[in-house]
Amino acid sequence: KEDKKARVDISYLFAMRKSEQLPHLASPQASNSSDRLFFVHGFKGHASIPIRGMHAFTAALEGTWDGATKEALKDTHKANPLAISFLMGHEFLLGRLILGNQIGYYLLDNRLTQESNSINHIVYVRPGVQIHLTDHIFVNVSAKISGRTSPLSPQIETWNFAIGGSFY
């Protein structure tokens, strides 16, 4: 029987999205670029601690630079498109395949305004699938789901793709 060890993952993540997905910040100038896709990229540090059988608790720190946010904020005093989040969650460890779900909390997010500072804007969910190509290299696909655009109907904000390394 294989002994499950704690794992630390470091990954580079990237996505594309439109600036119009931030309606509470949209300016007339931003609406001109609503058909353009903007690059979102960042880094994530992720720790996974096996607890029993195929289950593991996770904690992560994620930092992203969002081109769509930069476009939406270009006429405001908050021109920094950086977002930093802390995430906690659970993983199913299925050999080289890992199914995970995390809840994230924004520690820094310049998309927030006084009117939008509610739980729907500072918390999000990130379900995903990670496939280990080797013991130390993996690829990941995850969705970032929030109630930012509609509190009653959470939607996928971005599909994120990642490549990274695992350390045991």
Protein backbone atom coordinates (compact mmCIF):
# COMPACT_ATOMS: atom_id res chain seq x y z
CA LYS A 1 0.00 0.00 0.00
CA GLU A 2 1.33 3.40 -1.04
CA ASP A 3 2.03 5.84 1.78
CA LYS A 4 0.44 9.21 0.93
CA LYS A 5 2.70 12.18 1.68
CA ALA A 6 2.03 15.87 2.07
CA ARG A 7 2.49 17.70 -1.23
CA VAL A 8 3.39 21.27 -2.16
CA ASP A 9 2.50 22.50 -5.65
CA ILE A 10 3.83 25.64 -7.32
CA SER A 11 2.06 26.57 -10.55
CA TYR A 12 1.73 29.26 -13.20
CA LEU A 13 -1.91 29.86 -14.16
CA PHE A 14 -3.38 31.69 -17.12
CA ALA A 15 -6.78 32.54 -18.59
CA MET A 16 -8.50 34.91 -21.01
CA ARG A 17 -11.57 37.00 -20.28
CA LYS A 18 -13.51 40.06 -21.38
CA SER A 19 -13.59 43.31 -19.46
CA GLU A 20 -17.40 43.47 -19.65
CA GLN A 21 -17.56 40.76 -16.98
CA LEU A 22 -17.03 43.50 -14.39
CA PRO A 23 -20.27 45.46 -14.85
CA HIS A 24 -20.05 47.43 -11.60
CA LEU A 25 -16.77 48.98 -12.85
CA ALA A 26 -17.51 49.31 -16.55
CA SER A 27 -16.76 52.76 -17.92
CA PRO A 28 -17.89 54.10 -21.33
CA GLN A 29 -14.33 53.61 -22.61
CA ALA A 30 -14.27 50.00 -21.36
CA SER A 31 -17.42 49.19 -23.30
CA ASN A 32 -15.55 49.96 -26.53
CA SER A 33 -13.23 47.06 -25.77
CA SER A 34 -15.94 44.60 -24.68
CA ASP A 35 -15.18 42.21 -27.55
CA ARG A 36 -11.49 42.04 -26.74
CA LEU A 37 -10.09 39.23 -24.64
CA PHE A 38 -7.62 40.17 -21.94
CA PHE A 39 -4.88 38.01 -20.47
CA VAL A 40 -5.08 36.91 -16.82
CA HIS A 41 -2.06 35.21 -15.31
CA GLY A 42 -0.48 34.51 -11.96
CA PHE A 43 1.12 32.08 -9.55
CA LYS A 44 -0.30 29.72 -6.97
CA GLY A 45 1.33 27.98 -4.04
CA HIS A 46 -0.72 25.03 -2.83
CA ALA A 47 -0.28 22.60 0.08
CA SER A 48 -2.12 19.27 0.27
CA ILE A 49 -2.19 17.18 3.45
CA PRO A 50 -3.66 13.66 3.15
CA ILE A 51 -6.09 12.91 5.98
CA ARG A 52 -7.55 9.48 5.26
CA GLY A 53 -7.60 7.18 2.28
CA MET A 54 -8.03 9.26 -0.83
CA HIS A 55 -8.96 12.54 0.95
CA ALA A 56 -6.74 15.58 1.55
CA PHE A 57 -7.17 19.05 3.03
CA THR A 58 -5.69 21.91 1.01
CA ALA A 59 -4.56 25.48 1.58
CA ALA A 60 -3.25 27.83 -1.09
CA LEU A 61 -2.12 31.37 -1.78
CA GLU A 62 -2.83 32.77 -5.23
CA GLY A 63 -1.75 35.99 -6.88
CA THR A 64 -3.09 37.09 -10.27
CA TRP A 65 -2.61 40.01 -12.63
CA ASP A 66 -5.81 40.63 -14.61
CA GLY A 67 -5.72 42.54 -17.91
CA ALA A 68 -9.54 42.81 -17.95
CA THR A 69 -9.44 44.47 -14.54
CA LYS A 70 -6.69 46.83 -15.72
CA GLU A 71 -8.94 47.85 -18.63
CA ALA A 72 -11.95 48.35 -16.33
CA LEU A 73 -9.90 50.37 -13.82
CA LYS A 74 -7.96 52.51 -16.30
CA ASP A 75 -10.00 55.65 -15.54
CA THR A 76 -10.02 55.20 -11.76
CA HIS A 77 -7.48 55.87 -9.03
CA LYS A 78 -7.24 52.08 -8.40
CA ALA A 79 -5.24 51.18 -11.48
CA ASN A 80 -3.59 48.08 -9.98
CA PRO A 81 -4.97 44.85 -11.52
CA LEU A 82 -3.35 42.63 -8.89
CA ALA A 83 -5.50 40.25 -6.81
CA ILE A 84 -4.25 38.08 -3.95
CA SER A 85 -6.37 35.29 -2.47
CA PHE A 86 -6.19 32.68 0.27
CA LEU A 87 -7.93 29.37 -0.51
CA MET A 88 -8.89 26.29 1.53
CA GLY A 89 -10.48 23.10 0.33
CA HIS A 90 -10.57 19.36 -0.23
CA GLU A 91 -9.07 16.97 -2.78
CA PHE A 92 -9.85 13.44 -3.90
CA LEU A 93 -6.51 11.74 -4.59
CA LEU A 94 -7.09 9.24 -7.40
CA GLY A 95 -3.57 8.23 -8.42
CA ARG A 96 -2.29 10.69 -11.04
CA LEU A 97 -5.74 12.33 -11.20
CA ILE A 98 -6.76 14.79 -8.47
CA LEU A 99 -10.26 16.27 -8.19
CA GLY A 100 -10.37 19.34 -5.99
CA ASN A 101 -12.61 22.11 -4.77
CA GLN A 102 -11.50 25.22 -2.90
CA ILE A 103 -13.16 28.31 -1.51
CA GLY A 104 -11.15 31.50 -1.95
CA TYR A 105 -11.16 34.78 -0.07
CA TYR A 106 -9.67 37.94 -1.62
CA LEU A 107 -7.00 39.49 0.59
CA LEU A 108 -6.41 42.18 -2.07
CA ASP A 109 -8.71 42.95 -5.00
CA ASN A 110 -8.95 46.40 -6.54
CA ARG A 111 -12.18 45.50 -8.35
CA LEU A 112 -14.01 45.98 -5.06
CA THR A 113 -15.89 49.21 -4.56
CA GLN A 114 -17.77 50.42 -1.50
CA GLU A 115 -21.04 49.23 -3.09
CA SER A 116 -19.65 45.81 -4.07
CA ASN A 117 -17.97 44.92 -0.78
CA SER A 118 -20.29 41.97 -0.04
CA ILE A 119 -19.69 38.26 0.41
CA ASN A 120 -20.49 37.70 -3.30
CA HIS A 121 -17.53 39.87 -4.27
CA ILE A 122 -14.87 38.74 -1.80
CA VAL A 123 -15.44 34.95 -1.84
CA TYR A 124 -15.28 32.55 -4.79
CA VAL A 125 -15.18 28.81 -5.46
CA ARG A 126 -12.53 27.06 -7.55
CA PRO A 127 -13.33 23.46 -8.60
CA GLY A 128 -10.69 21.79 -10.73
CA VAL A 129 -8.96 18.73 -12.13
CA GLN A 130 -5.22 18.15 -11.86
CA ILE A 131 -3.37 15.49 -13.83
CA HIS A 132 0.17 14.51 -12.92
CA LEU A 133 2.16 13.83 -16.08
CA THR A 134 5.07 12.64 -13.92
CA ASP A 135 5.58 12.50 -10.15
CA HIS A 136 6.64 16.16 -10.20
CA ILE A 137 4.98 17.83 -13.22
CA PHE A 138 1.25 18.45 -13.58
CA VAL A 139 -1.36 20.32 -15.61
CA ASN A 140 -4.56 21.71 -14.13
CA VAL A 141 -7.89 23.04 -15.39
CA SER A 142 -10.15 24.91 -12.98
CA ALA A 143 -13.10 27.28 -13.02
CA LYS A 144 -13.35 30.42 -10.91
CA ILE A 145 -17.01 30.79 -9.88
CA SER A 146 -18.31 33.87 -8.10
CA GLY A 147 -21.48 35.83 -7.51
CA ARG A 148 -19.74 39.01 -8.68
CA THR A 149 -21.97 39.50 -11.73
CA SER A 150 -25.18 38.15 -10.18
CA PRO A 151 -25.42 37.29 -6.47
CA LEU A 152 -28.45 35.03 -6.98
CA SER A 153 -26.89 33.13 -9.86
CA PRO A 154 -23.13 32.53 -9.49
CA GLN A 155 -21.33 32.24 -12.80
CA ILE A 156 -17.97 31.11 -14.10
CA GLU A 157 -15.73 34.16 -14.10
CA THR A 158 -12.80 32.44 -15.84
CA TRP A 159 -11.55 29.03 -16.90
CA ASN A 160 -7.96 28.77 -15.67
CA PHE A 161 -5.24 26.57 -17.07
CA ALA A 162 -2.08 25.86 -15.09
CA ILE A 163 1.20 24.01 -15.33
CA GLY A 164 3.37 23.37 -12.33
CA GLY A 165 5.57 21.24 -10.18
CA SER A 166 4.91 19.11 -7.10
CA PHE A 167 7.31 18.63 -4.20
CA TYR A 168 6.90 15.88 -1.59
